[in-house]
C-alpha atoms as a PDB file:
ATOM      1  CA  MET A   1       3.543 -10.158 -11.280  1.00  0.00           C
ATOM      2  CA  SER A   2       4.215 -12.997  -8.908  1.00  0.00           C
ATOM      3  CA  ARG A   3       4.102 -12.481  -5.174  1.00  0.00           C
ATOM      4  CA  ARG A   4       7.084 -13.036  -2.922  1.00  0.00           C
ATOM      5  CA  ASP A   5       7.255 -15.775  -0.377  1.00  0.00           C
ATOM      6  CA  PRO A   6       6.226 -14.223   2.992  1.00  0.00           C
ATOM      7  CA  GLN A   7       9.505 -15.188   4.649  1.00  0.00           C
ATOM      8  CA  ARG A   8      11.568 -13.642   1.855  1.00  0.00           C
ATOM      9  CA  ALA A   9       9.467 -10.478   1.982  1.00  0.00           C
ATOM     10  CA  ARG A  10       9.968 -10.280   5.755  1.00  0.00           C
ATOM     11  CA  VAL A  11      13.739 -10.703   5.449  1.00  0.00           C
ATOM     12  CA  LEU A  12      13.911  -8.083   2.680  1.00  0.00           C
ATOM     13  CA  GLY A  13      11.893  -5.629   4.782  1.00  0.00           C
ATOM     14  CA  LEU A  14      14.086  -6.157   7.841  1.00  0.00           C
ATOM     15  CA  TRP A  15      17.239  -5.859   5.748  1.00  0.00           C
ATOM     16  CA  THR A  16      15.982  -2.574   4.290  1.00  0.00           C
ATOM     17  CA  ALA A  17      14.984  -1.242   7.719  1.00  0.00           C
ATOM     18  CA  GLY A  18      18.425  -2.134   9.074  1.00  0.00           C
ATOM     19  CA  TRP A  19      20.286  -0.320   6.316  1.00  0.00           C
ATOM     20  CA  LEU A  20      17.956   2.647   6.622  1.00  0.00           C
ATOM     21  CA  ALA A  21      18.788   2.829  10.325  1.00  0.00           C
ATOM     22  CA  VAL A  22      22.527   2.617   9.578  1.00  0.00           C
ATOM     23  CA  PHE A  23      22.355   5.451   7.055  1.00  0.00           C
ATOM     24  CA  LEU A  24      20.194   7.609   9.311  1.00  0.00           C
ATOM     25  CA  ILE A  25      22.564   7.130  12.257  1.00  0.00           C
ATOM     26  CA  ALA A  26      25.575   7.895  10.070  1.00  0.00           C
ATOM     27  CA  GLY A  27      23.872  11.023   8.758  1.00  0.00           C
ATOM     28  CA  MET A  28      22.894  12.157  12.237  1.00  0.00           C
ATOM     29  CA  ILE A  29      26.443  11.724  13.513  1.00  0.00           C
ATOM     30  CA  ARG A  30      28.064  13.351  10.467  1.00  0.00           C
ATOM     31  CA  LEU A  31      25.608  16.188   9.757  1.00  0.00           C
ATOM     32  CA  GLY A  32      23.449  16.670  12.801  1.00  0.00           C
ATOM     33  CA  GLU A  33      23.141  16.232  16.503  1.00  0.00           C
ATOM     34  CA  PRO A  34      21.895  12.792  17.655  1.00  0.00           C
ATOM     35  CA  ALA A  35      20.670  14.170  21.002  1.00  0.00           C
ATOM     36  CA  VAL A  36      18.106  16.269  19.133  1.00  0.00           C
ATOM     37  CA  GLN A  37      17.408  14.154  16.052  1.00  0.00           C
ATOM     38  CA  TRP A  38      16.950  10.720  17.660  1.00  0.00           C
ATOM     39  CA  PRO A  39      13.176  10.604  16.860  1.00  0.00           C
ATOM     40  CA  VAL A  40      14.162  10.071  13.216  1.00  0.00           C
ATOM     41  CA  LEU A  41      15.032   6.506  14.187  1.00  0.00           C
ATOM     42  CA  ALA A  42      11.312   5.818  14.541  1.00  0.00           C
ATOM     43  CA  VAL A  43      11.170   5.531  10.739  1.00  0.00           C
ATOM     44  CA  PRO A  44      13.233   2.312  10.465  1.00  0.00           C
ATOM     45  CA  LEU A  45      11.484   1.001  13.581  1.00  0.00           C
ATOM     46  CA  VAL A  46       8.074   1.408  11.947  1.00  0.00           C
ATOM     47  CA  TRP A  47       9.508  -0.053   8.732  1.00  0.00           C
ATOM     48  CA  ALA A  48      10.658  -3.133  10.650  1.00  0.00           C
ATOM     49  CA  LEU A  49       7.279  -3.489  12.381  1.00  0.00           C
ATOM     50  CA  VAL A  50       5.533  -3.385   9.009  1.00  0.00           C
ATOM     51  CA  ALA A  51       7.965  -6.007   7.691  1.00  0.00           C
ATOM     52  CA  LEU A  52       7.186  -8.271  10.666  1.00  0.00           C
ATOM     53  CA  ARG A  53       3.405  -8.132  10.215  1.00  0.00           C
ATOM     54  CA  PRO A  54       1.667 -11.438   9.445  1.00  0.00           C
ATOM     55  CA  ARG A  55       1.355 -12.180   5.757  1.00  0.00           C
ATOM     56  CA  ARG A  56      -0.631 -14.638   3.706  1.00  0.00           C
ATOM     57  CA  SER A  57       1.313 -17.281   1.895  1.00  0.00           C
ATOM     58  CA  VAL A  58       1.106 -17.604  -1.862  1.00  0.00           C
ATOM     59  CA  ARG A  59      -0.868 -20.837  -1.496  1.00  0.00           C
ATOM     60  CA  ASP A  60      -3.457 -19.170   0.770  1.00  0.00           C
ATOM     61  CA  ASP A  61      -4.094 -16.363  -1.678  1.00  0.00           C
ATOM     62  CA  THR A  62      -7.620 -16.930  -2.960  1.00  0.00           C
ATOM     63  CA  ARG A  63      -8.255 -13.427  -4.250  1.00  0.00           C
ATOM     64  CA  ASP A  64      -9.522 -12.983  -7.773  1.00  0.00           C
ATOM     65  CA  ASP A  65      -7.051 -10.925  -9.791  1.00  0.00           C
ATOM     66  CA  GLY A  66      -9.739  -9.890 -12.231  1.00  0.00           C
ATOM     67  CA  ALA A  67     -11.462  -6.555 -12.529  1.00  0.00           C
ATOM     68  CA  TRP A  68     -13.073  -4.779  -9.605  1.00  0.00           C
ATOM     69  CA  GLY A  69     -16.415  -6.273  -8.755  1.00  0.00           C
ATOM     70  CA  ALA A  70     -15.685  -9.529 -10.549  1.00  0.00           C
ATOM     71  CA  ASP A  71     -16.518 -11.519  -7.436  1.00  0.00           C
ATOM     72  CA  ASP A  72     -19.721  -9.771  -6.411  1.00  0.00           C
ATOM     73  CA  ASP A  73     -23.128 -10.949  -7.527  1.00  0.00           C
ATOM     74  CA  TRP A  74     -24.731  -7.535  -8.045  1.00  0.00           C
ATOM     75  CA  PRO A  75     -26.130  -6.903 -11.523  1.00  0.00           C
ATOM     76  CA  PRO A  76     -24.673  -3.944 -13.424  1.00  0.00           C
ATOM     77  CA  GLU A  77     -26.677  -0.740 -13.146  1.00  0.00           C
ATOM     78  CA  PRO A  78     -28.255   0.538 -16.361  1.00  0.00           C
ATOM     79  CA  PRO A  79     -27.146   3.987 -17.510  1.00  0.00           C
ATOM     80  CA  LEU A  80     -29.348   6.921 -16.535  1.00  0.00           C
ATOM     81  CA  PRO A  81     -31.226   8.599 -19.357  1.00  0.00           C
ATOM     82  CA  GLY A  82     -29.367  11.577 -20.761  1.00  0.00           C
ATOM     83  CA  HIS A  83     -26.017  10.576 -19.254  1.00  0.00           C
ATOM     84  CA  ARG A  84     -23.027   9.595 -21.324  1.00  0.00           C
ATOM     85  CA  THR A  85     -21.570   6.181 -20.645  1.00  0.00           C
ATOM     86  CA  ASP A  86     -18.496   6.426 -22.848  1.00  0.00           C
ATOM     87  CA  THR A  87     -16.414   8.363 -20.305  1.00  0.00           C
ATOM     88  CA  VAL A  88     -14.901   7.425 -16.979  1.00  0.00           C
ATOM     89  CA  GLU A  89     -15.631  10.801 -15.423  1.00  0.00           C
ATOM     90  CA  ARG A  90     -18.596  11.564 -13.256  1.00  0.00           C
ATOM     91  CA  PRO A  91     -21.098  14.100 -14.529  1.00  0.00           C
ATOM     92  CA  ALA A  92     -20.246  17.679 -13.574  1.00  0.00           C
ATOM     93  CA  VAL A  93     -23.863  18.479 -12.723  1.00  0.00           C
ATOM     94  CA  ARG A  94     -25.934  16.545 -10.239  1.00  0.00           C
ATOM     95  CA  PRO A  95     -29.032  14.854 -11.545  1.00  0.00           C
ATOM     96  CA  PRO A  96     -32.195  16.960 -11.048  1.00  0.00           C
ATOM     97  CA  TRP A  97     -33.728  14.497  -8.552  1.00  0.00           C
ATOM     98  CA  GLU A  98     -31.014  15.050  -5.924  1.00  0.00           C
END
């Protein structure tokens, strides 16, 4: 999946936060009492702050999209004796040396 341009992502986030604020205000006026429920407006405010955070551009993205640990230089650990390696689950019983 390709990443969005940071400016387009920022505009989309601000647009979404704006419409969220409009719908929350309309709902507060129609169904509730704005004098009591005004803290709800912190949600679109936080949304807008997240949208305005600095982002990396697509050209600056140097991350490896491979598997976890693909960029580290640690050798793989050998399996412990008596432990299955064909499952992704951890053993239910701790090893006797712990």
